[in-house]
Amino acid sequence: MKLICQAAAGAIMAHLLYWVITFTVGYAKTMLYQPNIEALWANEHVLQSEVSFGYAVSPSPIEYVASFFATALLFWCLLVLYKKFASKPSW
């Protein structure tokens, strides 16, 4: 039971770390962005002449849960391997 709790904690930490890094990078890019309108206006290929209609697909809650369980399973396997090889004496 202790390994399962440790694996779940590792999965939570991995997901939080991923979210924090993604948020920080996006925030930094937003804060540091300085558009160069004169250069963009001179290059007409940058200006879009077409519009696309549709919607963006975001991951469903089931995919988030599956990602969490897959990460927890990976951490559990790593912990089992660590316990197995850490208990053996080194020659």
PDB file of N, CA and C in Angstrom:
ATOM      1  N   MET A   1       0.817  -1.188   0.000  1.00  0.00           N
ATOM      2  CA  MET A   1       0.000   0.000   0.000  1.00  0.00           C
ATOM      3  C   MET A   1       0.867   1.259   0.000  1.00  0.00           C
ATOM      4  N   LYS A   2       2.019   1.170   0.656  1.00  0.00           N
ATOM      5  CA  LYS A   2       2.908   2.319   0.720  1.00  0.00           C
ATOM      6  C   LYS A   2       3.447   2.666  -0.674  1.00  0.00           C
ATOM      7  N   LEU A   3       3.756   1.644  -1.475  1.00  0.00           N
ATOM      8  CA  LEU A   3       4.254   1.901  -2.829  1.00  0.00           C
ATOM      9  C   LEU A   3       3.185   2.560  -3.699  1.00  0.00           C
ATOM     10  N   ILE A   4       1.932   2.149  -3.513  1.00  0.00           N
ATOM     11  CA  ILE A   4       0.848   2.741  -4.298  1.00  0.00           C
ATOM     12  C   ILE A   4       0.685   4.218  -3.951  1.00  0.00           C
ATOM     13  N   CYS A   5       0.756   4.535  -2.667  1.00  0.00           N
ATOM     14  CA  CYS A   5       0.654   5.938  -2.246  1.00  0.00           C
ATOM     15  C   CYS A   5       1.835   6.759  -2.766  1.00  0.00           C
ATOM     16  N   GLN A   6       3.023   6.183  -2.721  1.00  0.00           N
ATOM     17  CA  GLN A   6       4.196   6.887  -3.244  1.00  0.00           C
ATOM     18  C   GLN A   6       4.085   7.080  -4.750  1.00  0.00           C
ATOM     19  N   ALA A   7       3.577   6.078  -5.462  1.00  0.00           N
ATOM     20  CA  ALA A   7       3.402   6.199  -6.910  1.00  0.00           C
ATOM     21  C   ALA A   7       2.362   7.263  -7.239  1.00  0.00           C
ATOM     22  N   ALA A   8       1.265   7.302  -6.472  1.00  0.00           N
ATOM     23  CA  ALA A   8       0.241   8.333  -6.689  1.00  0.00           C
ATOM     24  C   ALA A   8       0.798   9.722  -6.403  1.00  0.00           C
ATOM     25  N   ALA A   9       1.598   9.839  -5.350  1.00  0.00           N
ATOM     26  CA  ALA A   9       2.219  11.130  -5.032  1.00  0.00           C
ATOM     27  C   ALA A   9       3.183  11.553  -6.134  1.00  0.00           C
ATOM     28  N   GLY A  10       3.928  10.609  -6.668  1.00  0.00           N
ATOM     29  CA  GLY A  10       4.827  10.919  -7.778  1.00  0.00           C
ATOM     30  C   GLY A  10       4.071  11.360  -9.014  1.00  0.00           C
ATOM     31  N   ALA A  11       2.939  10.713  -9.298  1.00  0.00           N
ATOM     32  CA  ALA A  11       2.133  11.099 -10.455  1.00  0.00           C
ATOM     33  C   ALA A  11       1.545  12.492 -10.270  1.00  0.00           C
ATOM     34  N   ILE A  12       1.093  12.782  -9.052  1.00  0.00           N
ATOM     35  CA  ILE A  12       0.566  14.123  -8.780  1.00  0.00           C
ATOM     36  C   ILE A  12       1.664  15.163  -8.960  1.00  0.00           C
ATOM     37  N   MET A  13       2.849  14.889  -8.433  1.00  0.00           N
ATOM     38  CA  MET A  13       3.958  15.841  -8.563  1.00  0.00           C
ATOM     39  C   MET A  13       4.367  16.034 -10.024  1.00  0.00           C
ATOM     40  N   ALA A  14       4.385  14.956 -10.802  1.00  0.00           N
ATOM     41  CA  ALA A  14       4.749  15.066 -12.214  1.00  0.00           C
ATOM     42  C   ALA A  14       3.725  15.905 -12.970  1.00  0.00           C
ATOM     43  N   HIS A  15       2.440  15.681 -12.695  1.00  0.00           N
ATOM     44  CA  HIS A  15       1.410  16.461 -13.375  1.00  0.00           C
ATOM     45  C   HIS A  15       1.435  17.925 -12.937  1.00  0.00           C
ATOM     46  N   LEU A  16       1.653  18.190 -11.656  1.00  0.00           N
ATOM     47  CA  LEU A  16       1.751  19.573 -11.192  1.00  0.00           C
ATOM     48  C   LEU A  16       2.974  20.269 -11.787  1.00  0.00           C
ATOM     49  N   LEU A  17       4.084  19.570 -11.846  1.00  0.00           N
ATOM     50  CA  LEU A  17       5.295  20.143 -12.433  1.00  0.00           C
ATOM     51  C   LEU A  17       5.079  20.481 -13.900  1.00  0.00           C
ATOM     52  N   TYR A  18       4.420  19.573 -14.637  1.00  0.00           N
ATOM     53  CA  TYR A  18       4.117  19.831 -16.049  1.00  0.00           C
ATOM     54  C   TYR A  18       3.220  21.055 -16.193  1.00  0.00           C
ATOM     55  N   TRP A  19       2.181  21.158 -15.353  1.00  0.00           N
ATOM     56  CA  TRP A  19       1.264  22.286 -15.445  1.00  0.00           C
ATOM     57  C   TRP A  19       1.964  23.598 -15.097  1.00  0.00           C
ATOM     58  N   VAL A  20       2.769  23.587 -14.052  1.00  0.00           N
ATOM     59  CA  VAL A  20       3.467  24.812 -13.632  1.00  0.00           C
ATOM     60  C   VAL A  20       4.452  25.263 -14.707  1.00  0.00           C
ATOM     61  N   ILE A  21       5.192  24.343 -15.296  1.00  0.00           N
ATOM     62  CA  ILE A  21       6.147  24.710 -16.344  1.00  0.00           C
ATOM     63  C   ILE A  21       5.416  25.255 -17.565  1.00  0.00           C
ATOM     64  N   THR A  22       4.329  24.607 -17.973  1.00  0.00           N
ATOM     65  CA  THR A  22       3.558  25.076 -19.122  1.00  0.00           C
ATOM     66  C   THR A  22       2.988  26.472 -18.858  1.00  0.00           C
ATOM     67  N   PHE A  23       2.441  26.678 -17.665  1.00  0.00           N
ATOM     68  CA  PHE A  23       1.884  27.974 -17.310  1.00  0.00           C
ATOM     69  C   PHE A  23       2.975  29.044 -17.275  1.00  0.00           C
ATOM     70  N   THR A  24       4.129  28.724 -16.697  1.00  0.00           N
ATOM     71  CA  THR A  24       5.216  29.701 -16.574  1.00  0.00           C
ATOM     72  C   THR A  24       5.764  30.099 -17.934  1.00  0.00           C
ATOM     73  N   VAL A  25       5.946  29.129 -18.820  1.00  0.00           N
ATOM     74  CA  VAL A  25       6.449  29.438 -20.164  1.00  0.00           C
ATOM     75  C   VAL A  25       5.451  30.304 -20.922  1.00  0.00           C
ATOM     76  N   GLY A  26       4.174  29.960 -20.850  1.00  0.00           N
ATOM     77  CA  GLY A  26       3.150  30.764 -21.516  1.00  0.00           C
ATOM     78  C   GLY A  26       3.069  32.173 -20.961  1.00  0.00           C
ATOM     79  N   TYR A  27       3.162  32.311 -19.648  1.00  0.00           N
ATOM     80  CA  TYR A  27       3.130  33.624 -19.020  1.00  0.00           C
ATOM     81  C   TYR A  27       4.344  34.451 -19.428  1.00  0.00           C
ATOM     82  N   ALA A  28       5.524  33.821 -19.438  1.00  0.00           N
ATOM     83  CA  ALA A  28       6.746  34.544 -19.815  1.00  0.00           C
ATOM     84  C   ALA A  28       6.683  34.983 -21.276  1.00  0.00           C
ATOM     85  N   LYS A  29       6.192  34.107 -22.157  1.00  0.00           N
ATOM     86  CA  LYS A  29       6.071  34.484 -23.568  1.00  0.00           C
ATOM     87  C   LYS A  29       5.091  35.638 -23.743  1.00  0.00           C
ATOM     88  N   THR A  30       4.014  35.634 -22.984  1.00  0.00           N
ATOM     89  CA  THR A  30       3.030  36.712 -23.072  1.00  0.00           C
ATOM     90  C   THR A  30       3.609  38.025 -22.570  1.00  0.00           C
ATOM     91  N   MET A  31       4.326  37.981 -21.460  1.00  0.00           N
ATOM     92  CA  MET A  31       4.864  39.204 -20.885  1.00  0.00           C
ATOM     93  C   MET A  31       6.028  39.777 -21.700  1.00  0.00           C
ATOM     94  N   LEU A  32       6.806  38.922 -22.333  1.00  0.00           N
ATOM     95  CA  LEU A  32       7.995  39.386 -23.042  1.00  0.00           C
ATOM     96  C   LEU A  32       7.754  39.639 -24.535  1.00  0.00           C
ATOM     97  N   TYR A  33       6.524  39.414 -25.014  1.00  0.00           N
ATOM     98  CA  TYR A  33       6.239  39.574 -26.445  1.00  0.00           C
ATOM     99  C   TYR A  33       6.212  41.049 -26.808  1.00  0.00           C
ATOM    100  N   GLN A  34       6.969  41.407 -27.837  1.00  0.00           N
ATOM    101  CA  GLN A  34       6.979  42.763 -28.361  1.00  0.00           C
ATOM    102  C   GLN A  34       6.776  42.684 -29.870  1.00  0.00           C
ATOM    103  N   PRO A  35       5.571  43.016 -30.330  1.00  0.00           N
ATOM    104  CA  PRO A  35       5.317  42.903 -31.760  1.00  0.00           C
ATOM    105  C   PRO A  35       6.073  43.968 -32.555  1.00  0.00           C
ATOM    106  N   ASN A  36       6.494  43.589 -33.734  1.00  0.00           N
ATOM    107  CA  ASN A  36       7.153  44.509 -34.656  1.00  0.00           C
ATOM    108  C   ASN A  36       6.199  44.710 -35.824  1.00  0.00           C
ATOM    109  N   ILE A  37       5.276  45.645 -35.664  1.00  0.00           N
ATOM    110  CA  ILE A  37       4.201  45.830 -36.628  1.00  0.00           C
ATOM    111  C   ILE A  37       4.739  46.314 -37.966  1.00  0.00           C
ATOM    112  N   GLU A  38       5.748  47.146 -37.977  1.00  0.00           N
ATOM    113  CA  GLU A  38       6.294  47.654 -39.235  1.00  0.00           C
ATOM    114  C   GLU A  38       6.865  46.522 -40.083  1.00  0.00           C
ATOM    115  N   ALA A  39       7.577  45.594 -39.457  1.00  0.00           N
ATOM    116  CA  ALA A  39       8.149  44.479 -40.208  1.00  0.00           C
ATOM    117  C   ALA A  39       7.050  43.535 -40.685  1.00  0.00           C
ATOM    118  N   LEU A  40       6.027  43.337 -39.886  1.00  0.00           N
ATOM    119  CA  LEU A  40       4.929  42.466 -40.297  1.00  0.00           C
ATOM    120  C   LEU A  40       4.128  43.081 -41.429  1.00  0.00           C
ATOM    121  N   TRP A  41       3.939  44.394 -41.405  1.00  0.00           N
ATOM    122  CA  TRP A  41       3.168  45.048 -42.437  1.00  0.00           C
ATOM    123  C   TRP A  41       3.916  45.024 -43.772  1.00  0.00           C
ATOM    124  N   ALA A  42       5.235  45.071 -43.721  1.00  0.00           N
ATOM    125  CA  ALA A  42       6.030  45.041 -44.950  1.00  0.00           C
ATOM    126  C   ALA A  42       5.982  43.666 -45.610  1.00  0.00           C
ATOM    127  N   ASN A  43       5.827  42.634 -44.846  1.00  0.00           N
ATOM    128  CA  ASN A  43       5.766  41.275 -45.385  1.00  0.00           C
ATOM    129  C   ASN A  43       4.293  40.866 -45.480  1.00  0.00           C
ATOM    130  N   GLU A  44       3.777  40.864 -46.698  1.00  0.00           N
ATOM    131  CA  GLU A  44       2.347  40.600 -46.880  1.00  0.00           C
ATOM    132  C   GLU A  44       1.974  39.134 -46.692  1.00  0.00           C
ATOM    133  N   HIS A  45       2.947  38.239 -46.711  1.00  0.00           N
ATOM    134  CA  HIS A  45       2.644  36.823 -46.539  1.00  0.00           C
ATOM    135  C   HIS A  45       2.255  36.492 -45.095  1.00  0.00           C
ATOM    136  N   VAL A  46       2.623  37.367 -44.177  1.00  0.00           N
ATOM    137  CA  VAL A  46       2.292  37.126 -42.777  1.00  0.00           C
ATOM    138  C   VAL A  46       0.802  37.378 -42.539  1.00  0.00           C
ATOM    139  N   LEU A  47       0.244  38.338 -43.266  1.00  0.00           N
ATOM    140  CA  LEU A  47      -1.164  38.664 -43.097  1.00  0.00           C
ATOM    141  C   LEU A  47      -2.023  37.549 -43.682  1.00  0.00           C
ATOM    142  N   GLN A  48      -2.967  37.073 -42.941  1.00  0.00           N
ATOM    143  CA  GLN A  48      -3.813  35.978 -43.411  1.00  0.00           C
ATOM    144  C   GLN A  48      -4.893  36.507 -44.341  1.00  0.00           C
ATOM    145  N   SER A  49      -5.149  35.757 -45.394  1.00  0.00           N
ATOM    146  CA  SER A  49      -6.208  36.115 -46.325  1.00  0.00           C
ATOM    147  C   SER A  49      -7.351  35.106 -46.282  1.00  0.00           C
ATOM    148  N   GLU A  50      -7.245  34.115 -45.423  1.00  0.00           N
ATOM    149  CA  GLU A  50      -8.278  33.091 -45.310  1.00  0.00           C
ATOM    150  C   GLU A  50      -8.713  32.968 -43.856  1.00  0.00           C
ATOM    151  N   VAL A  51      -9.947  32.539 -43.716  1.00  0.00           N
ATOM    152  CA  VAL A  51     -10.489  32.319 -42.372  1.00  0.00           C
ATOM    153  C   VAL A  51     -10.950  30.880 -42.295  1.00  0.00           C
ATOM    154  N   SER A  52     -10.620  30.231 -41.205  1.00  0.00           N
ATOM    155  CA  SER A  52     -11.088  28.859 -41.015  1.00  0.00           C
ATOM    156  C   SER A  52     -12.073  28.835 -39.863  1.00  0.00           C
ATOM    157  N   PHE A  53     -13.130  28.073 -40.054  1.00  0.00           N
ATOM    158  CA  PHE A  53     -14.148  27.932 -39.029  1.00  0.00           C
ATOM    159  C   PHE A  53     -14.076  26.532 -38.458  1.00  0.00           C
ATOM    160  N   GLY A  54     -14.314  26.405 -37.199  1.00  0.00           N
ATOM    161  CA  GLY A  54     -14.271  25.101 -36.548  1.00  0.00           C
ATOM    162  C   GLY A  54     -14.111  25.282 -35.054  1.00  0.00           C
ATOM    163  N   TYR A  55     -13.683  24.235 -34.421  1.00  0.00           N
ATOM    164  CA  TYR A  55     -13.493  24.288 -32.982  1.00  0.00           C
ATOM    165  C   TYR A  55     -12.236  23.521 -32.620  1.00  0.00           C
ATOM    166  N   ALA A  56     -11.688  23.877 -31.489  1.00  0.00           N
ATOM    167  CA  ALA A  56     -10.494  23.201 -30.986  1.00  0.00           C
ATOM    168  C   ALA A  56     -10.933  22.093 -30.032  1.00  0.00           C
ATOM    169  N   VAL A  57     -10.316  20.957 -30.159  1.00  0.00           N
ATOM    170  CA  VAL A  57     -10.662  19.827 -29.314  1.00  0.00           C
ATOM    171  C   VAL A  57      -9.725  19.808 -28.121  1.00  0.00           C
ATOM    172  N   SER A  58     -10.294  19.853 -26.937  1.00  0.00           N
ATOM    173  CA  SER A  58      -9.485  19.763 -25.732  1.00  0.00           C
ATOM    174  C   SER A  58      -9.627  18.354 -25.158  1.00  0.00           C
ATOM    175  N   PRO A  59      -8.636  17.909 -24.421  1.00  0.00           N
ATOM    176  CA  PRO A  59      -8.706  16.557 -23.848  1.00  0.00           C
ATOM    177  C   PRO A  59      -9.898  16.405 -22.906  1.00  0.00           C
ATOM    178  N   SER A  60     -10.482  15.244 -22.935  1.00  0.00           N
ATOM    179  CA  SER A  60     -11.615  14.972 -22.059  1.00  0.00           C
ATOM    180  C   SER A  60     -11.104  14.600 -20.663  1.00  0.00           C
ATOM    181  N   PRO A  61     -11.968  14.650 -19.675  1.00  0.00           N
ATOM    182  CA  PRO A  61     -11.541  14.259 -18.317  1.00  0.00           C
ATOM    183  C   PRO A  61     -11.051  12.814 -18.246  1.00  0.00           C
ATOM    184  N   ILE A  62     -11.582  11.958 -19.105  1.00  0.00           N
ATOM    185  CA  ILE A  62     -11.135  10.557 -19.107  1.00  0.00           C
ATOM    186  C   ILE A  62      -9.666  10.468 -19.514  1.00  0.00           C
ATOM    187  N   GLU A  63      -9.252  11.316 -20.449  1.00  0.00           N
ATOM    188  CA  GLU A  63      -7.841  11.311 -20.863  1.00  0.00           C
ATOM    189  C   GLU A  63      -6.930  11.799 -19.749  1.00  0.00           C
ATOM    190  N   TYR A  64      -7.393  12.770 -18.962  1.00  0.00           N
ATOM    191  CA  TYR A  64      -6.600  13.232 -17.826  1.00  0.00           C
ATOM    192  C   TYR A  64      -6.450  12.127 -16.778  1.00  0.00           C
ATOM    193  N   VAL A  65      -7.531  11.418 -16.510  1.00  0.00           N
ATOM    194  CA  VAL A  65      -7.491  10.328 -15.533  1.00  0.00           C
ATOM    195  C   VAL A  65      -6.589   9.200 -16.037  1.00  0.00           C
ATOM    196  N   ALA A  66      -6.700   8.879 -17.338  1.00  0.00           N
ATOM    197  CA  ALA A  66      -5.845   7.834 -17.919  1.00  0.00           C
ATOM    198  C   ALA A  66      -4.378   8.241 -17.849  1.00  0.00           C
ATOM    199  N   SER A  67      -4.092   9.513 -18.095  1.00  0.00           N
ATOM    200  CA  SER A  67      -2.714  10.007 -18.000  1.00  0.00           C
ATOM    201  C   SER A  67      -2.195   9.877 -16.575  1.00  0.00           C
ATOM    202  N   PHE A  68      -3.051  10.210 -15.604  1.00  0.00           N
ATOM    203  CA  PHE A  68      -2.642  10.100 -14.204  1.00  0.00           C
ATOM    204  C   PHE A  68      -2.341   8.654 -13.842  1.00  0.00           C
ATOM    205  N   PHE A  69      -3.237   7.725 -14.221  1.00  0.00           N
ATOM    206  CA  PHE A  69      -3.021   6.322 -13.872  1.00  0.00           C
ATOM    207  C   PHE A  69      -1.804   5.734 -14.593  1.00  0.00           C
ATOM    208  N   ALA A  70      -1.578   6.141 -15.832  1.00  0.00           N
ATOM    209  CA  ALA A  70      -0.401   5.654 -16.556  1.00  0.00           C
ATOM    210  C   ALA A  70       0.882   6.155 -15.890  1.00  0.00           C
ATOM    211  N   THR A  71       0.887   7.407 -15.469  1.00  0.00           N
ATOM    212  CA  THR A  71       2.058   7.955 -14.784  1.00  0.00           C
ATOM    213  C   THR A  71       2.258   7.282 -13.428  1.00  0.00           C
ATOM    214  N   ALA A  72       1.160   7.032 -12.721  1.00  0.00           N
ATOM    215  CA  ALA A  72       1.260   6.349 -11.425  1.00  0.00           C
ATOM    216  C   ALA A  72       1.784   4.931 -11.609  1.00  0.00           C
ATOM    217  N   LEU A  73       1.341   4.250 -12.657  1.00  0.00           N
ATOM    218  CA  LEU A  73       1.833   2.904 -12.944  1.00  0.00           C
ATOM    219  C   LEU A  73       3.324   2.927 -13.263  1.00  0.00           C
ATOM    220  N   LEU A  74       3.750   3.919 -14.024  1.00  0.00           N
ATOM    221  CA  LEU A  74       5.181   4.060 -14.338  1.00  0.00           C
ATOM    222  C   LEU A  74       5.986   4.289 -13.060  1.00  0.00           C
ATOM    223  N   PHE A  75       5.522   5.177 -12.200  1.00  0.00           N
ATOM    224  CA  PHE A  75       6.224   5.423 -10.938  1.00  0.00           C
ATOM    225  C   PHE A  75       6.226   4.178 -10.063  1.00  0.00           C
ATOM    226  N   TRP A  76       5.128   3.437 -10.040  1.00  0.00           N
ATOM    227  CA  TRP A  76       5.064   2.212  -9.248  1.00  0.00           C
ATOM    228  C   TRP A  76       6.093   1.201  -9.744  1.00  0.00           C
ATOM    229  N   CYS A  77       6.194   1.039 -11.069  1.00  0.00           N
ATOM    230  CA  CYS A  77       7.197   0.110 -11.632  1.00  0.00           C
ATOM    231  C   CYS A  77       8.613   0.544 -11.275  1.00  0.00           C
ATOM    232  N   LEU A  78       8.869   1.841 -11.363  1.00  0.00           N
ATOM    233  CA  LEU A  78      10.198   2.335 -11.015  1.00  0.00           C
ATOM    234  C   LEU A  78      10.503   2.122  -9.533  1.00  0.00           C
ATOM    235  N   LEU A  79       9.520   2.314  -8.679  1.00  0.00           N
ATOM    236  CA  LEU A  79       9.730   2.087  -7.245  1.00  0.00           C
ATOM    237  C   LEU A  79       9.969   0.615  -6.934  1.00  0.00           C
ATOM    238  N   VAL A  80       9.233  -0.271  -7.605  1.00  0.00           N
ATOM    239  CA  VAL A  80       9.430  -1.708  -7.383  1.00  0.00           C
ATOM    240  C   VAL A  80      10.829  -2.116  -7.827  1.00  0.00           C
ATOM    241  N   LEU A  81      11.254  -1.619  -8.987  1.00  0.00           N
ATOM    242  CA  LEU A  81      12.605  -1.941  -9.461  1.00  0.00           C
ATOM    243  C   LEU A  81      13.663  -1.379  -8.523  1.00  0.00           C
ATOM    244  N   TYR A  82      13.436  -0.172  -8.032  1.00  0.00           N
ATOM    245  CA  TYR A  82      14.397   0.433  -7.113  1.00  0.00           C
ATOM    246  C   TYR A  82      14.498  -0.387  -5.824  1.00  0.00           C
ATOM    247  N   LYS A  83      13.355  -0.780  -5.287  1.00  0.00           N
ATOM    248  CA  LYS A  83      13.364  -1.578  -4.051  1.00  0.00           C
ATOM    249  C   LYS A  83      14.047  -2.926  -4.278  1.00  0.00           C
ATOM    250  N   LYS A  84      13.836  -3.495  -5.455  1.00  0.00           N
ATOM    251  CA  LYS A  84      14.413  -4.805  -5.753  1.00  0.00           C
ATOM    252  C   LYS A  84      15.936  -4.724  -5.848  1.00  0.00           C
ATOM    253  N   PHE A  85      16.427  -3.730  -6.573  1.00  0.00           N
ATOM    254  CA  PHE A  85      17.869  -3.644  -6.782  1.00  0.00           C
ATOM    255  C   PHE A  85      18.599  -2.922  -5.661  1.00  0.00           C
ATOM    256  N   ALA A  86      17.913  -2.098  -4.895  1.00  0.00           N
ATOM    257  CA  ALA A  86      18.568  -1.397  -3.784  1.00  0.00           C
ATOM    258  C   ALA A  86      18.805  -2.320  -2.608  1.00  0.00           C
ATOM    259  N   SER A  87      18.022  -3.375  -2.497  1.00  0.00           N
ATOM    260  CA  SER A  87      18.182  -4.280  -1.356  1.00  0.00           C
ATOM    261  C   SER A  87      19.297  -5.300  -1.572  1.00  0.00           C
ATOM    262  N   LYS A  88      19.743  -5.477  -2.825  1.00  0.00           N
ATOM    263  CA  LYS A  88      20.828  -6.420  -3.102  1.00  0.00           C
ATOM    264  C   LYS A  88      22.172  -5.796  -2.739  1.00  0.00           C
ATOM    265  N   PRO A  89      23.041  -6.584  -2.155  1.00  0.00           N
ATOM    266  CA  PRO A  89      24.379  -6.043  -1.864  1.00  0.00           C
ATOM    267  C   PRO A  89      25.188  -5.917  -3.158  1.00  0.00           C
ATOM    268  N   SER A  90      25.961  -4.875  -3.253  1.00  0.00           N
ATOM    269  CA  SER A  90      26.791  -4.689  -4.446  1.00  0.00           C
ATOM    270  C   SER A  90      28.108  -5.443  -4.275  1.00  0.00           C
ATOM    271  N   TRP A  91      28.573  -6.034  -5.314  1.00  0.00           N
ATOM    272  CA  TRP A  91      29.814  -6.812  -5.264  1.00  0.00           C
ATOM    273  C   TRP A  91      30.958  -5.935  -5.549  1.00  0.00           C
TER     274      TRP A  91
END
